[in-house]
N, C-alpha and C. Protein backbone atom coordinates (compact mmCIF):
# COMPACT_ATOMS: atom_id res chain seq x y z
N UNK A 1 0.84 -1.30 -0.04
CA UNK A 1 -0.11 0.13 -0.10
C UNK A 1 0.92 1.11 0.00
N UNK A 2 0.52 2.09 -1.07
CA UNK A 2 1.38 3.41 -1.02
C UNK A 2 0.72 4.51 -0.05
N UNK A 3 1.90 5.23 0.37
CA UNK A 3 1.74 6.20 1.42
C UNK A 3 1.17 7.69 0.58
N UNK A 4 0.32 8.28 1.04
CA UNK A 4 -0.17 9.49 0.43
C UNK A 4 1.10 10.35 0.32
N UNK A 5 1.16 11.10 -0.82
CA UNK A 5 2.30 12.11 -1.13
C UNK A 5 1.66 13.63 -0.82
N UNK A 6 2.45 14.46 -0.33
CA UNK A 6 2.27 15.73 -0.05
C UNK A 6 2.40 16.46 -1.43
N UNK A 7 1.89 17.86 -1.37
CA UNK A 7 1.75 18.60 -2.55
C UNK A 7 3.36 18.81 -2.89
N UNK A 8 4.29 18.97 -1.79
CA UNK A 8 5.65 19.31 -2.31
C UNK A 8 6.41 18.07 -2.86
N UNK A 9 6.19 16.86 -2.60
CA UNK A 9 6.56 15.69 -2.95
C UNK A 9 6.06 15.45 -4.62
N UNK A 10 4.64 15.85 -4.60
CA UNK A 10 4.18 15.65 -5.99
C UNK A 10 4.82 16.76 -6.86
N UNK A 11 4.97 17.99 -6.45
CA UNK A 11 5.58 18.99 -7.30
C UNK A 11 7.01 18.61 -7.75
N UNK A 12 7.74 17.98 -6.83
CA UNK A 12 9.26 17.65 -6.98
C UNK A 12 8.99 16.36 -8.10
N UNK A 13 8.25 15.60 -7.90
CA UNK A 13 8.16 14.33 -8.89
C UNK A 13 7.64 15.00 -10.25
N UNK A 14 6.88 15.96 -10.31
CA UNK A 14 6.42 16.70 -11.81
C UNK A 14 7.49 17.38 -12.22
N UNK A 15 8.35 18.26 -11.43
CA UNK A 15 9.44 18.84 -11.96
C UNK A 15 10.55 18.18 -12.56
N UNK A 16 10.65 16.85 -11.98
CA UNK A 16 11.90 16.26 -12.39
C UNK A 16 11.40 14.98 -13.15
N UNK A 17 10.28 15.05 -13.51
CA UNK A 17 9.83 13.88 -14.28
C UNK A 17 10.30 13.74 -15.57
N UNK A 18 10.96 14.85 -16.39
CA UNK A 18 11.44 14.69 -17.71
C UNK A 18 12.77 13.98 -17.77
N UNK A 19 13.54 14.42 -17.06
CA UNK A 19 14.89 14.09 -17.16
C UNK A 19 15.65 13.81 -15.71
N UNK A 20 15.02 13.72 -14.58
CA UNK A 20 15.29 13.52 -13.48
C UNK A 20 16.09 14.73 -12.81
N UNK A 21 16.11 16.07 -13.14
CA UNK A 21 16.85 17.03 -12.64
C UNK A 21 15.60 18.21 -12.47
N UNK A 22 15.81 19.10 -11.83
CA UNK A 22 14.74 20.22 -11.65
C UNK A 22 14.58 21.14 -12.84
N UNK A 23 13.55 21.13 -13.54
CA UNK A 23 13.44 21.88 -14.81
C UNK A 23 13.63 23.44 -14.42
N UNK A 24 13.49 23.97 -13.15
CA UNK A 24 13.88 25.43 -13.16
C UNK A 24 15.30 25.57 -12.76
N UNK A 25 16.02 24.77 -12.80
CA UNK A 25 17.30 24.88 -12.39
C UNK A 25 18.32 25.60 -13.74
N UNK A 26 19.11 26.49 -13.38
CA UNK A 26 19.87 26.97 -14.39
C UNK A 26 20.87 25.76 -14.68
N UNK A 27 20.98 25.26 -15.90
CA UNK A 27 21.98 24.56 -16.34
C UNK A 27 22.70 24.93 -17.70
N UNK A 28 24.02 24.90 -17.76
CA UNK A 28 24.60 25.70 -19.00
C UNK A 28 24.65 24.64 -20.01
N UNK A 29 24.27 24.83 -21.45
CA UNK A 29 24.42 24.24 -22.57
C UNK A 29 23.09 24.05 -22.99
N UNK A 30 22.97 23.27 -24.06
CA UNK A 30 21.85 22.89 -24.71
C UNK A 30 20.92 21.80 -24.06
N UNK A 31 20.06 22.38 -23.27
CA UNK A 31 19.23 21.46 -22.30
C UNK A 31 17.91 22.08 -22.41
N UNK A 32 16.88 21.20 -22.00
CA UNK A 32 15.67 21.55 -21.86
C UNK A 32 15.27 22.76 -20.94
N UNK A 33 16.17 22.70 -19.86
CA UNK A 33 16.08 23.97 -19.02
C UNK A 33 16.50 25.19 -19.70
N UNK A 34 17.52 25.32 -20.52
CA UNK A 34 17.93 26.34 -21.31
C UNK A 34 16.57 26.97 -22.15
N UNK A 35 15.88 25.90 -22.90
CA UNK A 35 14.78 26.58 -23.49
C UNK A 35 13.61 27.16 -22.63
N UNK A 36 13.56 26.62 -21.47
CA UNK A 36 12.61 27.30 -20.35
C UNK A 36 13.11 28.74 -20.16
N UNK A 37 14.39 28.80 -19.85
CA UNK A 37 14.90 30.19 -19.44
C UNK A 37 14.95 31.23 -20.77
N UNK A 38 15.34 30.67 -21.91
CA UNK A 38 15.20 31.31 -23.23
C UNK A 38 13.63 31.93 -23.25
N UNK A 39 12.77 30.99 -23.21
CA UNK A 39 11.31 31.72 -23.09
C UNK A 39 10.98 32.72 -22.25
N UNK A 40 11.57 32.41 -21.04
CA UNK A 40 11.04 33.30 -19.92
C UNK A 40 11.79 34.88 -20.20
N UNK A 41 13.19 34.79 -20.64
CA UNK A 41 13.85 35.81 -20.95
C UNK A 41 13.14 36.57 -22.31
N UNK A 42 12.70 35.78 -23.31
CA UNK A 42 12.19 36.44 -24.25
C UNK A 42 10.80 37.18 -23.91
N UNK A 43 10.00 36.56 -22.96
CA UNK A 43 8.71 37.18 -22.51
C UNK A 43 9.00 38.39 -21.75
N UNK A 44 10.08 38.20 -21.00
CA UNK A 44 10.38 39.60 -20.15
C UNK A 44 10.69 40.91 -21.27
N UNK A 45 11.60 40.25 -22.14
CA UNK A 45 12.11 41.30 -23.29
C UNK A 45 10.94 41.95 -24.11
N UNK A 46 9.98 40.92 -24.46
CA UNK A 46 8.93 41.60 -25.35
C UNK A 46 8.07 42.52 -24.51
N UNK A 47 7.63 42.17 -23.05
CA UNK A 47 6.94 43.04 -22.16
C UNK A 47 7.73 44.24 -22.11
N UNK A 48 9.22 44.30 -21.92
CA UNK A 48 10.10 45.62 -21.70
C UNK A 48 9.83 46.48 -22.98
N UNK A 49 10.00 45.82 -24.35
CA UNK A 49 9.71 46.73 -25.48
C UNK A 49 8.30 47.34 -25.66
N UNK A 50 7.38 46.24 -25.19
CA UNK A 50 5.88 46.67 -25.30
C UNK A 50 5.87 48.13 -24.32
N UNK A 51 6.29 48.06 -23.10
CA UNK A 51 6.03 49.16 -22.18
C UNK A 51 6.86 50.45 -22.71
N UNK A 52 8.15 50.20 -23.34
CA UNK A 52 9.03 51.04 -23.99
C UNK A 52 8.30 51.91 -25.11
N UNK A 53 7.50 50.95 -25.93
CA UNK A 53 6.73 51.69 -26.74
C UNK A 53 5.68 52.34 -26.58
N UNK A 54 5.13 52.09 -25.51
CA UNK A 54 3.90 52.76 -24.93
C UNK A 54 4.07 54.05 -24.30
N UNK A 55 5.58 54.18 -23.72
CA UNK A 55 6.14 55.36 -23.13
C UNK A 55 6.16 56.32 -24.23
N UNK A 56 6.32 56.07 -25.48
CA UNK A 56 6.50 57.02 -26.44
C UNK A 56 7.82 56.73 -27.24
N UNK A 57 8.63 55.71 -27.06
CA UNK A 57 9.79 55.53 -27.68
C UNK A 57 9.60 54.33 -28.60
N UNK A 58 9.78 54.28 -29.68
CA UNK A 58 9.65 53.54 -30.67
C UNK A 58 10.81 53.06 -31.54
N UNK A 59 11.77 52.14 -31.36
CA UNK A 59 12.63 51.59 -32.20
C UNK A 59 12.20 51.28 -33.54
N UNK A 60 11.14 50.59 -33.93
CA UNK A 60 10.76 50.38 -35.29
C UNK A 60 10.54 51.74 -35.71
N UNK A 61 9.71 52.54 -35.26
CA UNK A 61 9.19 53.72 -35.93
C UNK A 61 10.38 54.70 -36.12
N UNK A 62 11.29 54.92 -35.13
CA UNK A 62 12.47 55.74 -35.49
C UNK A 62 13.27 55.12 -36.65
N UNK A 63 13.52 53.81 -36.62
CA UNK A 63 14.37 53.37 -37.80
C UNK A 63 13.57 53.41 -39.10
N UNK A 64 12.44 53.26 -39.43
CA UNK A 64 11.42 53.51 -40.39
C UNK A 64 11.70 55.08 -40.73
N UNK A 65 11.74 55.63 -39.87
CA UNK A 65 11.61 57.23 -40.04
C UNK A 65 12.93 57.67 -40.72
N UNK A 66 14.07 57.02 -40.22
CA UNK A 66 15.39 57.45 -40.71
C UNK A 66 15.61 56.80 -42.14
N UNK A 67 14.89 55.80 -42.36
CA UNK A 67 15.19 55.14 -43.56
C UNK A 67 14.21 55.98 -44.80
N UNK A 68 13.19 56.16 -44.42
CA UNK A 68 12.28 56.90 -45.40
C UNK A 68 12.27 58.43 -45.20
């Protein structure tokens, strides 16, 4: 008969289910963890650019103005 698992144990099992390592750990190299961090940083960058654009500064508009 199995003992009931706590939420912390369940979360640890789910986070390490892919390759036996914590999926949120920062590991160097081409790893699934790197793709997770890459996506997180991309979301932060997109949000930063969106806020920058809403503040009135637009890199895309300024570049197009210089070209045209």
